[in-house]
PDB file of N, CA and C in Angstrom:
ATOM      1  N   MET A   1     104.881-105.688  78.948  1.00  0.00           N
ATOM      2  CA  MET A   1     105.969-106.055  79.563  1.00  0.00           C
ATOM      3  C   MET A   1     106.659-106.686  79.002  1.00  0.00           C
ATOM      4  N   ALA A   2     108.101-106.585  78.053  1.00  0.00           N
ATOM      5  CA  ALA A   2     108.327-107.980  77.434  1.00  0.00           C
ATOM      6  C   ALA A   2     108.526-109.598  78.281  1.00  0.00           C
ATOM      7  N   SER A   3     108.513-110.244  77.589  1.00  0.00           N
ATOM      8  CA  SER A   3     108.848-111.727  77.692  1.00  0.00           C
ATOM      9  C   SER A   3     110.361-112.003  77.935  1.00  0.00           C
ATOM     10  N   TYR A   4     109.972-113.012  78.888  1.00  0.00           N
ATOM     11  CA  TYR A   4     111.752-113.464  78.963  1.00  0.00           C
ATOM     12  C   TYR A   4     112.258-113.729  77.579  1.00  0.00           C
ATOM     13  N   PRO A   5     111.904-114.648  77.242  1.00  0.00           N
ATOM     14  CA  PRO A   5     112.612-115.304  75.747  1.00  0.00           C
ATOM     15  C   PRO A   5     113.237-113.164  75.078  1.00  0.00           C
ATOM     16  N   PHE A   6     112.083-112.936  74.709  1.00  0.00           N
ATOM     17  CA  PHE A   6     112.633-111.614  73.843  1.00  0.00           C
ATOM     18  C   PHE A   6     113.357-110.712  74.530  1.00  0.00           C
ATOM     19  N   LEU A   7     113.488-110.931  75.922  1.00  0.00           N
ATOM     20  CA  LEU A   7     115.110-110.048  76.622  1.00  0.00           C
ATOM     21  C   LEU A   7     115.993-110.741  76.766  1.00  0.00           C
ATOM     22  N   PHE A   8     116.076-112.311  76.522  1.00  0.00           N
ATOM     23  CA  PHE A   8     117.849-112.938  76.642  1.00  0.00           C
ATOM     24  C   PHE A   8     118.095-112.888  75.438  1.00  0.00           C
ATOM     25  N   VAL A   9     117.147-112.923  73.995  1.00  0.00           N
ATOM     26  CA  VAL A   9     117.862-112.402  72.423  1.00  0.00           C
ATOM     27  C   VAL A   9     118.650-110.996  72.539  1.00  0.00           C
ATOM     28  N   ARG A  10     117.546-110.125  73.049  1.00  0.00           N
ATOM     29  CA  ARG A  10     118.027-108.914  72.873  1.00  0.00           C
ATOM     30  C   ARG A  10     119.361-108.599  73.850  1.00  0.00           C
ATOM     31  N   PHE A  11     119.223-109.516  74.532  1.00  0.00           N
ATOM     32  CA  PHE A  11     120.793-109.297  75.955  1.00  0.00           C
ATOM     33  C   PHE A  11     121.976-109.984  74.787  1.00  0.00           C
ATOM     34  N   LEU A  12     121.528-110.832  74.339  1.00  0.00           N
ATOM     35  CA  LEU A  12     122.442-111.919  73.374  1.00  0.00           C
ATOM     36  C   LEU A  12     123.084-111.031  72.377  1.00  0.00           C
ATOM     37  N   LEU A  13     122.093-110.512  71.724  1.00  0.00           N
ATOM     38  CA  LEU A  13     122.402-109.821  70.287  1.00  0.00           C
ATOM     39  C   LEU A  13     122.890-108.236  69.908  1.00  0.00           C
ATOM     40  N   PHE A  14     122.941-107.337  71.646  1.00  0.00           N
ATOM     41  CA  PHE A  14     123.083-106.077  71.752  1.00  0.00           C
ATOM     42  C   PHE A  14     124.213-106.067  73.276  1.00  0.00           C
ATOM     43  N   VAL A  15     123.424-106.275  74.163  1.00  0.00           N
ATOM     44  CA  VAL A  15     124.481-106.142  75.073  1.00  0.00           C
ATOM     45  C   VAL A  15     126.047-107.333  75.123  1.00  0.00           C
ATOM     46  N   LEU A  16     125.689-108.317  75.063  1.00  0.00           N
ATOM     47  CA  LEU A  16     126.841-108.995  74.917  1.00  0.00           C
ATOM     48  C   LEU A  16     127.946-108.768  73.650  1.00  0.00           C
ATOM     49  N   PRO A  17     127.749-108.790  72.719  1.00  0.00           N
ATOM     50  CA  PRO A  17     128.637-108.257  71.607  1.00  0.00           C
ATOM     51  C   PRO A  17     129.716-106.761  71.948  1.00  0.00           C
ATOM     52  N   LEU A  18     128.160-106.227  72.215  1.00  0.00           N
ATOM     53  CA  LEU A  18     129.235-104.683  73.304  1.00  0.00           C
ATOM     54  C   LEU A  18     130.067-104.511  74.224  1.00  0.00           C
ATOM     55  N   ALA A  19     129.651-105.600  75.027  1.00  0.00           N
ATOM     56  CA  ALA A  19     130.762-105.727  76.295  1.00  0.00           C
ATOM     57  C   ALA A  19     132.217-107.012  75.569  1.00  0.00           C
ATOM     58  N   VAL A  20     131.532-107.355  74.927  1.00  0.00           N
ATOM     59  CA  VAL A  20     133.479-107.972  74.472  1.00  0.00           C
ATOM     60  C   VAL A  20     133.957-107.293  73.851  1.00  0.00           C
ATOM     61  N   GLY A  21     133.237-106.411  72.553  1.00  0.00           N
ATOM     62  CA  GLY A  21     134.092-105.581  72.040  1.00  0.00           C
ATOM     63  C   GLY A  21     134.765-104.691  73.283  1.00  0.00           C
ATOM     64  N   LEU A  22     134.345-103.749  73.800  1.00  0.00           N
ATOM     65  CA  LEU A  22     134.784-103.437  75.078  1.00  0.00           C
ATOM     66  C   LEU A  22     136.142-103.561  75.694  1.00  0.00           C
ATOM     67  N   LEU A  23     135.458-104.822  76.347  1.00  0.00           N
ATOM     68  CA  LEU A  23     136.774-105.899  76.480  1.00  0.00           C
ATOM     69  C   LEU A  23     137.876-106.056  75.761  1.00  0.00           C
ATOM     70  N   TRP A  24     137.917-106.467  74.655  1.00  0.00           N
ATOM     71  CA  TRP A  24     138.473-106.623  73.278  1.00  0.00           C
ATOM     72  C   TRP A  24     139.392-105.150  73.056  1.00  0.00           C
ATOM     73  N   ALA A  25     138.922-103.745  72.615  1.00  0.00           N
ATOM     74  CA  ALA A  25     139.432-103.159  72.276  1.00  0.00           C
ATOM     75  C   ALA A  25     140.346-102.140  73.356  1.00  0.00           C
ATOM     76  N   VAL A  26     139.468-101.923  74.828  1.00  0.00           N
ATOM     77  CA  VAL A  26     140.174-101.390  75.386  1.00  0.00           C
ATOM     78  C   VAL A  26     141.277-101.941  75.789  1.00  0.00           C
ATOM     79  N   PRO A  27     141.737-102.577  75.763  1.00  0.00           N
ATOM     80  CA  PRO A  27     142.718-103.302  76.321  1.00  0.00           C
ATOM     81  C   PRO A  27     144.332-102.812  75.429  1.00  0.00           C
ATOM     82  N   THR A  28     144.136-103.137  74.318  1.00  0.00           N
ATOM     83  CA  THR A  28     144.774-102.905  73.187  1.00  0.00           C
ATOM     84  C   THR A  28     145.056-101.590  72.755  1.00  0.00           C
ATOM     85  N   VAL A  29     143.887-100.916  72.872  1.00  0.00           N
ATOM     86  CA  VAL A  29     144.550 -99.242  72.710  1.00  0.00           C
ATOM     87  C   VAL A  29     145.386 -98.470  74.315  1.00  0.00           C
ATOM     88  N   ALA A  30     145.191 -99.464  75.633  1.00  0.00           N
ATOM     89  CA  ALA A  30     145.587 -98.692  76.129  1.00  0.00           C
ATOM     90  C   ALA A  30     147.065 -99.217  76.537  1.00  0.00           C
ATOM     91  N   LEU A  31     147.775-100.300  75.754  1.00  0.00           N
ATOM     92  CA  LEU A  31     148.617-101.067  76.025  1.00  0.00           C
ATOM     93  C   LEU A  31     149.534-100.735  74.696  1.00  0.00           C
ATOM     94  N   ALA A  32     149.240-100.450  73.811  1.00  0.00           N
ATOM     95  CA  ALA A  32     149.600-100.314  72.287  1.00  0.00           C
ATOM     96  C   ALA A  32     150.752 -99.409  72.593  1.00  0.00           C
ATOM     97  N   ASP A  33     150.884 -98.348  73.178  1.00  0.00           N
ATOM     98  CA  ASP A  33     152.172 -97.541  73.613  1.00  0.00           C
ATOM     99  C   ASP A  33     152.475 -96.938  74.859  1.00  0.00           C
ATOM    100  N   GLY A  34     153.098 -97.978  75.523  1.00  0.00           N
ATOM    101  CA  GLY A  34     153.462 -97.915  77.067  1.00  0.00           C
ATOM    102  C   GLY A  34     154.038 -96.230  77.478  1.00  0.00           C
ATOM    103  N   ASP A  35     154.374 -95.423  76.490  1.00  0.00           N
ATOM    104  CA  ASP A  35     154.934 -94.375  77.337  1.00  0.00           C
ATOM    105  C   ASP A  35     153.825 -93.264  77.479  1.00  0.00           C
ATOM    106  N   HIS A  36     152.654 -93.692  76.784  1.00  0.00           N
ATOM    107  CA  HIS A  36     151.539 -92.563  76.865  1.00  0.00           C
ATOM    108  C   HIS A  36     150.353 -92.835  78.471  1.00  0.00           C
ATOM    109  N   ILE A  37     150.933 -94.179  78.665  1.00  0.00           N
ATOM    110  CA  ILE A  37     150.326 -94.442  79.949  1.00  0.00           C
ATOM    111  C   ILE A  37     150.927 -93.958  80.998  1.00  0.00           C
ATOM    112  N   HIS A  38     149.995 -93.194  82.051  1.00  0.00           N
ATOM    113  CA  HIS A  38     150.230 -92.810  83.254  1.00  0.00           C
ATOM    114  C   HIS A  38     150.727 -91.645  83.236  1.00  0.00           C
ATOM    115  N   GLY A  39     150.251 -90.466  82.238  1.00  0.00           N
ATOM    116  CA  GLY A  39     150.689 -89.077  82.021  1.00  0.00           C
ATOM    117  C   GLY A  39     151.719 -89.138  81.455  1.00  0.00           C
ATOM    118  N   GLY A  40     152.094 -89.848  80.292  1.00  0.00           N
ATOM    119  CA  GLY A  40     153.595 -89.600  80.086  1.00  0.00           C
ATOM    120  C   GLY A  40     154.699 -90.483  80.634  1.00  0.00           C
ATOM    121  N   GLU A  41     154.346 -90.728  81.932  1.00  0.00           N
ATOM    122  CA  GLU A  41     155.697 -91.586  82.021  1.00  0.00           C
ATOM    123  C   GLU A  41     156.159 -93.383  81.784  1.00  0.00           C
ATOM    124  N   SER A  42     157.132 -93.503  81.644  1.00  0.00           N
ATOM    125  CA  SER A  42     157.270 -95.036  80.686  1.00  0.00           C
ATOM    126  C   SER A  42     157.989 -95.622  82.044  1.00  0.00           C
ATOM    127  N   HIS A  43     157.277 -96.726  82.227  1.00  0.00           N
ATOM    128  CA  HIS A  43     157.518 -98.110  82.937  1.00  0.00           C
ATOM    129  C   HIS A  43     158.716 -99.192  82.489  1.00  0.00           C
ATOM    130  N   HIS A  44     159.122 -98.679  81.453  1.00  0.00           N
ATOM    131  CA  HIS A  44     160.489 -99.408  80.399  1.00  0.00           C
ATOM    132  C   HIS A  44     161.676 -99.608  81.272  1.00  0.00           C
ATOM    133  N   PRO A  45     162.505-100.726  81.248  1.00  0.00           N
ATOM    134  CA  PRO A  45     163.547-100.073  81.783  1.00  0.00           C
ATOM    135  C   PRO A  45     164.554 -99.179  81.238  1.00  0.00           C
ATOM    136  N   GLN A  46     165.199 -98.874  82.449  1.00  0.00           N
ATOM    137  CA  GLN A  46     166.725 -97.864  81.538  1.00  0.00           C
ATOM    138  C   GLN A  46     167.459 -98.549  81.433  1.00  0.00           C
ATOM    139  N   LEU A  47     167.975 -98.397  80.062  1.00  0.00           N
ATOM    140  CA  LEU A  47     169.518 -99.202  79.899  1.00  0.00           C
ATOM    141  C   LEU A  47     170.218 -98.090  79.276  1.00  0.00           C
ATOM    142  N   GLU A  48     171.390 -98.450  79.799  1.00  0.00           N
ATOM    143  CA  GLU A  48     172.681 -98.060  79.430  1.00  0.00           C
ATOM    144  C   GLU A  48     172.785 -98.061  78.017  1.00  0.00           C
ATOM    145  N   LEU A  49     172.692 -97.179  77.042  1.00  0.00           N
ATOM    146  CA  LEU A  49     173.458 -97.000  75.644  1.00  0.00           C
ATOM    147  C   LEU A  49     174.486 -96.294  75.405  1.00  0.00           C
ATOM    148  N   PRO A  50     175.039 -97.008  74.362  1.00  0.00           N
ATOM    149  CA  PRO A  50     176.803 -96.873  74.063  1.00  0.00           C
ATOM    150  C   PRO A  50     176.617 -95.541  73.539  1.00  0.00           C
ATOM    151  N   PRO A  51     177.728 -94.613  73.795  1.00  0.00           N
ATOM    152  CA  PRO A  51     178.200 -93.145  73.916  1.00  0.00           C
ATOM    153  C   PRO A  51     178.626 -93.346  72.073  1.00  0.00           C
ATOM    154  N   GLY A  52     177.418 -92.216  71.445  1.00  0.00           N
ATOM    155  CA  GLY A  52     177.712 -91.926  70.196  1.00  0.00           C
ATOM    156  C   GLY A  52     177.560 -93.439  69.130  1.00  0.00           C
ATOM    157  N   GLY A  53     178.231 -93.219  68.005  1.00  0.00           N
ATOM    158  CA  GLY A  53     177.753 -94.490  67.233  1.00  0.00           C
ATOM    159  C   GLY A  53     176.611 -95.229  66.362  1.00  0.00           C
ATOM    160  N   LYS A  54     176.470 -95.680  66.031  1.00  0.00           N
ATOM    161  CA  LYS A  54     175.194 -96.257  65.395  1.00  0.00           C
ATOM    162  C   LYS A  54     175.460 -97.846  65.497  1.00  0.00           C
ATOM    163  N   CYS A  55     174.178 -98.201  65.704  1.00  0.00           N
ATOM    164  CA  CYS A  55     173.727 -99.901  66.015  1.00  0.00           C
ATOM    165  C   CYS A  55     174.275-100.327  64.102  1.00  0.00           C
ATOM    166  N   VAL A  56     173.908-101.492  63.866  1.00  0.00           N
ATOM    167  CA  VAL A  56     173.856-102.149  62.639  1.00  0.00           C
ATOM    168  C   VAL A  56     172.549-101.708  62.142  1.00  0.00           C
ATOM    169  N   LYS A  57     171.586-101.671  62.805  1.00  0.00           N
ATOM    170  CA  LYS A  57     170.198-101.526  62.106  1.00  0.00           C
ATOM    171  C   LYS A  57     169.957-100.220  63.413  1.00  0.00           C
ATOM    172  N   PRO A  58     168.271-100.059  62.550  1.00  0.00           N
ATOM    173  CA  PRO A  58     167.875 -99.055  63.269  1.00  0.00           C
ATOM    174  C   PRO A  58     167.403 -99.394  64.610  1.00  0.00           C
ATOM    175  N   THR A  59     167.375 -98.505  65.794  1.00  0.00           N
ATOM    176  CA  THR A  59     167.140 -98.670  67.040  1.00  0.00           C
ATOM    177  C   THR A  59     165.456 -99.842  66.994  1.00  0.00           C
ATOM    178  N   GLU A  60     164.639 -98.700  66.682  1.00  0.00           N
ATOM    179  CA  GLU A  60     162.893 -99.890  66.632  1.00  0.00           C
ATOM    180  C   GLU A  60     163.322-101.211  66.023  1.00  0.00           C
ATOM    181  N   TRP A  61     163.625-101.542  64.911  1.00  0.00           N
ATOM    182  CA  TRP A  61     164.100-102.659  64.426  1.00  0.00           C
ATOM    183  C   TRP A  61     164.561-103.991  65.380  1.00  0.00           C
ATOM    184  N   MET A  62     166.036-103.128  66.191  1.00  0.00           N
ATOM    185  CA  MET A  62     166.518-103.955  66.809  1.00  0.00           C
ATOM    186  C   MET A  62     165.172-104.600  67.925  1.00  0.00           C
ATOM    187  N   ARG A  63     164.777-103.351  68.363  1.00  0.00           N
ATOM    188  CA  ARG A  63     163.425-103.702  69.856  1.00  0.00           C
ATOM    189  C   ARG A  63     162.795-105.011  69.094  1.00  0.00           C
ATOM    190  N   ARG A  64     162.359-104.864  68.066  1.00  0.00           N
ATOM    191  CA  ARG A  64     161.715-105.856  68.009  1.00  0.00           C
ATOM    192  C   ARG A  64     161.874-107.280  67.135  1.00  0.00           C
ATOM    193  N   ASN A  65     163.359-107.222  66.435  1.00  0.00           N
ATOM    194  CA  ASN A  65     163.684-108.212  65.739  1.00  0.00           C
ATOM    195  C   ASN A  65     165.219-109.064  66.173  1.00  0.00           C
ATOM    196  N   HIS A  66     165.734-108.135  67.331  1.00  0.00           N
ATOM    197  CA  HIS A  66     166.827-108.856  67.690  1.00  0.00           C
ATOM    198  C   HIS A  66     167.398-109.896  67.654  1.00  0.00           C
ATOM    199  N   MET A  67     166.280-110.864  68.706  1.00  0.00           N
ATOM    200  CA  MET A  67     166.374-112.087  68.701  1.00  0.00           C
ATOM    201  C   MET A  67     166.266-113.179  67.711  1.00  0.00           C
ATOM    202  N   ASP A  68     165.260-112.694  66.696  1.00  0.00           N
ATOM    203  CA  ASP A  68     165.394-113.224  65.543  1.00  0.00           C
ATOM    204  C   ASP A  68     166.278-113.034  64.181  1.00  0.00           C
ATOM    205  N   PHE A  69     167.435-111.648  64.829  1.00  0.00           N
ATOM    206  CA  PHE A  69     168.285-111.578  63.528  1.00  0.00           C
ATOM    207  C   PHE A  69     169.743-112.304  63.798  1.00  0.00           C
ATOM    208  N   LEU A  70     169.910-112.278  65.531  1.00  0.00           N
ATOM    209  CA  LEU A  70     170.622-113.010  66.314  1.00  0.00           C
ATOM    210  C   LEU A  70     170.744-114.547  66.123  1.00  0.00           C
ATOM    211  N   LYS A  71     169.583-115.255  66.072  1.00  0.00           N
ATOM    212  CA  LYS A  71     169.182-116.260  65.559  1.00  0.00           C
ATOM    213  C   LYS A  71     169.797-116.184  64.586  1.00  0.00           C
ATOM    214  N   GLU A  72     169.370-115.754  63.369  1.00  0.00           N
ATOM    215  CA  GLU A  72     169.388-116.100  62.292  1.00  0.00           C
ATOM    216  C   GLU A  72     170.994-115.882  61.589  1.00  0.00           C
ATOM    217  N   ASN A  73     171.505-115.203  62.409  1.00  0.00           N
ATOM    218  CA  ASN A  73     173.514-115.139  61.945  1.00  0.00           C
ATOM    219  C   ASN A  73     174.030-116.354  63.022  1.00  0.00           C
ATOM    220  N   ARG A  74     173.172-117.018  63.585  1.00  0.00           N
ATOM    221  CA  ARG A  74     173.613-118.176  64.282  1.00  0.00           C
ATOM    222  C   ARG A  74     173.573-119.265  63.756  1.00  0.00           C
ATOM    223  N   ASN A  75     172.389-119.598  63.111  1.00  0.00           N
ATOM    224  CA  ASN A  75     172.488-120.553  61.876  1.00  0.00           C
ATOM    225  C   ASN A  75     173.227-120.733  60.750  1.00  0.00           C
ATOM    226  N   LEU A  76     173.653-119.249  60.251  1.00  0.00           N
ATOM    227  CA  LEU A  76     173.999-119.160  59.000  1.00  0.00           C
ATOM    228  C   LEU A  76     176.297-119.317  59.588  1.00  0.00           C
ATOM    229  N   ALA A  77     175.964-119.066  60.940  1.00  0.00           N
ATOM    230  CA  ALA A  77     177.588-119.266  60.877  1.00  0.00           C
ATOM    231  C   ALA A  77     177.798-120.845  61.571  1.00  0.00           C
ATOM    232  N   VAL A  78     176.899-121.324  62.345  1.00  0.00           N
ATOM    233  CA  VAL A  78     177.068-122.753  62.344  1.00  0.00           C
ATOM    234  C   VAL A  78     176.632-123.231  61.826  1.00  0.00           C
ATOM    235  N   ARG A  79     175.572-123.546  60.964  1.00  0.00           N
ATOM    236  CA  ARG A  79     175.271-124.228  60.095  1.00  0.00           C
ATOM    237  C   ARG A  79     176.118-124.191  58.626  1.00  0.00           C
ATOM    238  N   GLU A  80     176.130-122.852  58.054  1.00  0.00           N
ATOM    239  CA  GLU A  80     176.634-122.852  56.740  1.00  0.00           C
ATOM    240  C   GLU A  80     178.051-122.045  56.322  1.00  0.00           C
ATOM    241  N   GLY A  81     178.620-121.720  57.712  1.00  0.00           N
ATOM    242  CA  GLY A  81     180.278-121.762  57.798  1.00  0.00           C
ATOM    243  C   GLY A  81     180.070-120.194  57.207  1.00  0.00           C
ATOM    244  N   ILE A  82     179.155-119.253  57.341  1.00  0.00           N
ATOM    245  CA  ILE A  82     179.157-118.074  56.537  1.00  0.00           C
ATOM    246  C   ILE A  82     179.250-116.972  58.107  1.00  0.00           C
ATOM    247  N   ARG A  83     180.115-116.082  57.924  1.00  0.00           N
ATOM    248  CA  ARG A  83     180.059-115.216  59.554  1.00  0.00           C
ATOM    249  C   ARG A  83     180.635-113.805  59.016  1.00  0.00           C
ATOM    250  N   VAL A  84     179.328-112.821  59.716  1.00  0.00           N
ATOM    251  CA  VAL A  84     179.887-111.638  59.328  1.00  0.00           C
ATOM    252  C   VAL A  84     179.843-110.635  60.386  1.00  0.00           C
ATOM    253  N   LYS A  85     181.088-110.340  60.347  1.00  0.00           N
ATOM    254  CA  LYS A  85     181.538-109.872  61.618  1.00  0.00           C
ATOM    255  C   LYS A  85     180.874-109.020  62.284  1.00  0.00           C
ATOM    256  N   SER A  86     180.050-107.859  61.091  1.00  0.00           N
ATOM    257  CA  SER A  86     179.072-106.396  61.663  1.00  0.00           C
ATOM    258  C   SER A  86     178.208-107.279  62.539  1.00  0.00           C
ATOM    259  N   ASP A  87     177.659-108.200  61.910  1.00  0.00           N
ATOM    260  CA  ASP A  87     176.486-109.364  62.785  1.00  0.00           C
ATOM    261  C   ASP A  87     176.587-109.772  64.137  1.00  0.00           C
ATOM    262  N   SER A  88     177.490-109.962  64.055  1.00  0.00           N
ATOM    263  CA  SER A  88     178.052-110.778  65.671  1.00  0.00           C
ATOM    264  C   SER A  88     177.459-110.230  66.816  1.00  0.00           C
ATOM    265  N   LEU A  89     177.417-111.706  68.032  1.00  0.00           N
ATOM    266  CA  LEU A  89     176.988-111.082  69.334  1.00  0.00           C
ATOM    267  C   LEU A  89     178.355-110.484  69.532  1.00  0.00           C
ATOM    268  N   LYS A  90     179.525-110.592  68.897  1.00  0.00           N
ATOM    269  CA  LYS A  90     180.470-109.832  69.988  1.00  0.00           C
ATOM    270  C   LYS A  90     180.619-108.792  69.393  1.00  0.00           C
ATOM    271  N   ASN A  91     180.632-108.426  68.084  1.00  0.00           N
ATOM    272  CA  ASN A  91     180.300-106.954  67.779  1.00  0.00           C
ATOM    273  C   ASN A  91     179.372-105.987  68.612  1.00  0.00           C
ATOM    274  N   CYS A  92     178.088-106.893  68.952  1.00  0.00           N
ATOM    275  CA  CYS A  92     177.456-105.837  69.837  1.00  0.00           C
ATOM    276  C   CYS A  92     178.072-105.212  71.415  1.00  0.00           C
ATOM    277  N   ALA A  93     178.749-106.942  71.947  1.00  0.00           N
ATOM    278  CA  ALA A  93     179.581-106.043  72.947  1.00  0.00           C
ATOM    279  C   ALA A  93     180.222-105.222  73.235  1.00  0.00           C
ATOM    280  N   THR A  94     181.124-104.723  71.772  1.00  0.00           N
ATOM    281  CA  THR A  94     181.608-103.733  71.165  1.00  0.00           C
ATOM    282  C   THR A  94     181.450-102.542  71.634  1.00  0.00           C
ATOM    283  N   CYS A  95     179.834-101.585  71.632  1.00  0.00           N
ATOM    284  CA  CYS A  95     179.143-100.971  71.937  1.00  0.00           C
ATOM    285  C   CYS A  95     178.567-100.821  73.661  1.00  0.00           C
ATOM    286  N   HIS A  96     177.976-102.018  73.686  1.00  0.00           N
ATOM    287  CA  HIS A  96     177.027-102.550  74.844  1.00  0.00           C
ATOM    288  C   HIS A  96     177.928-103.147  75.602  1.00  0.00           C
ATOM    289  N   THR A  97     178.563-102.718  76.156  1.00  0.00           N
ATOM    290  CA  THR A  97     179.779-102.962  77.341  1.00  0.00           C
ATOM    291  C   THR A  97     179.318-103.937  78.470  1.00  0.00           C
ATOM    292  N   SER A  98     178.112-103.304  78.804  1.00  0.00           N
ATOM    293  CA  SER A  98     176.942-104.020  80.234  1.00  0.00           C
ATOM    294  C   SER A  98     176.067-105.139  79.678  1.00  0.00           C
ATOM    295  N   ARG A  99     176.825-106.415  79.791  1.00  0.00           N
ATOM    296  CA  ARG A  99     175.716-107.120  79.714  1.00  0.00           C
ATOM    297  C   ARG A  99     174.162-107.019  81.005  1.00  0.00           C
ATOM    298  N   GLU A 100     175.182-106.488  82.172  1.00  0.00           N
ATOM    299  CA  GLU A 100     173.971-106.327  83.366  1.00  0.00           C
ATOM    300  C   GLU A 100     173.082-105.118  82.618  1.00  0.00           C
ATOM    301  N   LYS A 101     173.970-104.059  82.354  1.00  0.00           N
ATOM    302  CA  LYS A 101     173.037-102.764  82.372  1.00  0.00           C
ATOM    303  C   LYS A 101     172.609-102.836  80.566  1.00  0.00           C
ATOM    304  N   PHE A 102     172.459-103.614  80.184  1.00  0.00           N
ATOM    305  CA  PHE A 102     171.758-103.739  79.099  1.00  0.00           C
ATOM    306  C   PHE A 102     170.818-104.748  78.417  1.00  0.00           C
ATOM    307  N   CYS A 103     171.291-106.025  78.137  1.00  0.00           N
ATOM    308  CA  CYS A 103     170.612-107.196  78.158  1.00  0.00           C
ATOM    309  C   CYS A 103     169.813-107.509  79.128  1.00  0.00           C
ATOM    310  N   ASP A 104     170.184-107.598  80.222  1.00  0.00           N
ATOM    311  CA  ASP A 104     169.976-108.444  81.458  1.00  0.00           C
ATOM    312  C   ASP A 104     168.640-107.235  81.909  1.00  0.00           C
ATOM    313  N   ARG A 105     168.707-106.262  81.741  1.00  0.00           N
ATOM    314  CA  ARG A 105     167.680-105.262  82.354  1.00  0.00           C
ATOM    315  C   ARG A 105     166.420-105.925  81.127  1.00  0.00           C
ATOM    316  N   CYS A 106     166.558-105.687  80.449  1.00  0.00           N
ATOM    317  CA  CYS A 106     165.297-105.590  79.080  1.00  0.00           C
ATOM    318  C   CYS A 106     164.983-107.236  79.772  1.00  0.00           C
ATOM    319  N   HIS A 107     165.816-108.309  79.502  1.00  0.00           N
ATOM    320  CA  HIS A 107     165.787-109.667  79.162  1.00  0.00           C
ATOM    321  C   HIS A 107     164.752-110.190  80.874  1.00  0.00           C
ATOM    322  N   THR A 108     165.182-109.607  81.698  1.00  0.00           N
ATOM    323  CA  THR A 108     164.298-109.614  82.867  1.00  0.00           C
ATOM    324  C   THR A 108     162.842-108.144  82.910  1.00  0.00           C
ATOM    325  N   TYR A 109     163.038-107.651  82.972  1.00  0.00           N
ATOM    326  CA  TYR A 109     161.583-107.300  82.384  1.00  0.00           C
ATOM    327  C   TYR A 109     160.723-107.335  81.674  1.00  0.00           C
ATOM    328  N   VAL A 110     160.744-108.390  80.194  1.00  0.00           N
ATOM    329  CA  VAL A 110     159.560-109.509  79.967  1.00  0.00           C
ATOM    330  C   VAL A 110     160.114-110.593  80.520  1.00  0.00           C
ATOM    331  N   GLY A 111     160.752-111.293  81.293  1.00  0.00           N
ATOM    332  CA  GLY A 111     160.473-112.404  81.753  1.00  0.00           C
ATOM    333  C   GLY A 111     161.544-113.503  81.029  1.00  0.00           C
ATOM    334  N   VAL A 112     162.188-113.642  80.563  1.00  0.00           N
ATOM    335  CA  VAL A 112     162.939-113.859  78.987  1.00  0.00           C
ATOM    336  C   VAL A 112     164.182-114.121  79.282  1.00  0.00           C
ATOM    337  N   ALA A 113     164.597-115.500  79.401  1.00  0.00           N
ATOM    338  CA  ALA A 113     166.146-115.855  79.553  1.00  0.00           C
ATOM    339  C   ALA A 113     166.744-116.319  78.601  1.00  0.00           C
ATOM    340  N   PRO A 114     167.469-115.466  77.495  1.00  0.00           N
ATOM    341  CA  PRO A 114     168.000-116.222  76.236  1.00  0.00           C
ATOM    342  C   PRO A 114     169.280-117.211  77.194  1.00  0.00           C
ATOM    343  N   ASN A 115     169.666-118.145  75.429  1.00  0.00           N
ATOM    344  CA  ASN A 115     170.097-118.728  75.743  1.00  0.00           C
ATOM    345  C   ASN A 115     171.691-118.749  75.102  1.00  0.00           C
ATOM    346  N   CYS A 116     171.832-117.779  74.956  1.00  0.00           N
ATOM    347  CA  CYS A 116     172.980-116.811  74.017  1.00  0.00           C
ATOM    348  C   CYS A 116     174.159-117.392  74.938  1.00  0.00           C
ATOM    349  N   PHE A 117     174.491-116.208  76.233  1.00  0.00           N
ATOM    350  CA  PHE A 117     175.652-116.443  76.802  1.00  0.00           C
ATOM    351  C   PHE A 117     175.736-118.597  77.704  1.00  0.00           C
ATOM    352  N   GLU A 118     175.047-119.006  77.049  1.00  0.00           N
ATOM    353  CA  GLU A 118     175.394-120.500  77.583  1.00  0.00           C
ATOM    354  C   GLU A 118     176.738-120.799  76.909  1.00  0.00           C
ATOM    355  N   CYS A 119     176.899-120.218  75.698  1.00  0.00           N
ATOM    356  CA  CYS A 119     178.325-120.393  75.162  1.00  0.00           C
ATOM    357  C   CYS A 119     179.277-119.409  75.183  1.00  0.00           C
ATOM    358  N   HIS A 120     178.250-118.441  74.806  1.00  0.00           N
ATOM    359  CA  HIS A 120     179.287-116.674  74.914  1.00  0.00           C
ATOM    360  C   HIS A 120     179.517-116.133  75.859  1.00  0.00           C
ATOM    361  N   HIS A 121     180.866-116.172  75.625  1.00  0.00           N
ATOM    362  CA  HIS A 121     181.303-114.783  77.081  1.00  0.00           C
ATOM    363  C   HIS A 121     181.141-113.244  76.119  1.00  0.00           C
ATOM    364  N   TYR A 122     180.593-112.937  77.754  1.00  0.00           N
ATOM    365  CA  TYR A 122     180.150-111.663  77.721  1.00  0.00           C
ATOM    366  C   TYR A 122     181.113-110.605  78.402  1.00  0.00           C
ATOM    367  N   PRO A 123     182.062-109.832  77.254  1.00  0.00           N
ATOM    368  CA  PRO A 123     183.230-109.467  78.100  1.00  0.00           C
ATOM    369  C   PRO A 123     182.560-108.382  79.305  1.00  0.00           C
ATOM    370  N   LYS A 124     183.449-108.615  80.554  1.00  0.00           N
ATOM    371  CA  LYS A 124     183.033-107.435  81.473  1.00  0.00           C
ATOM    372  C   LYS A 124     183.803-105.975  81.525  1.00  0.00           C
TER     373      LYS A 124
END
């Protein structure tokens, strides 16, 4: 029969790293693409998309980077006096006409409260 210290060392060297590896890998794989969870059913909020037209940047890029894009443009406008009409929040509102059905749905879903609208009026 194996001695207690040998069993403990085997546990530390084999079982524990395996368990930690599984706990790390499984959620990463499961959450990597939400559209494939639950048989292809997506749990993302349904947004009101503008009819036709094209955004100033590709959709996937905007999903990941719009907050930095808007902050950078805000800083350029406020601190440098450089205003780019096509990159402004006002330009976004020309296509995405409903803040409640576009901006707010995602921000509520992810639990983020942007401060854009403390200063900016979004047309109704």
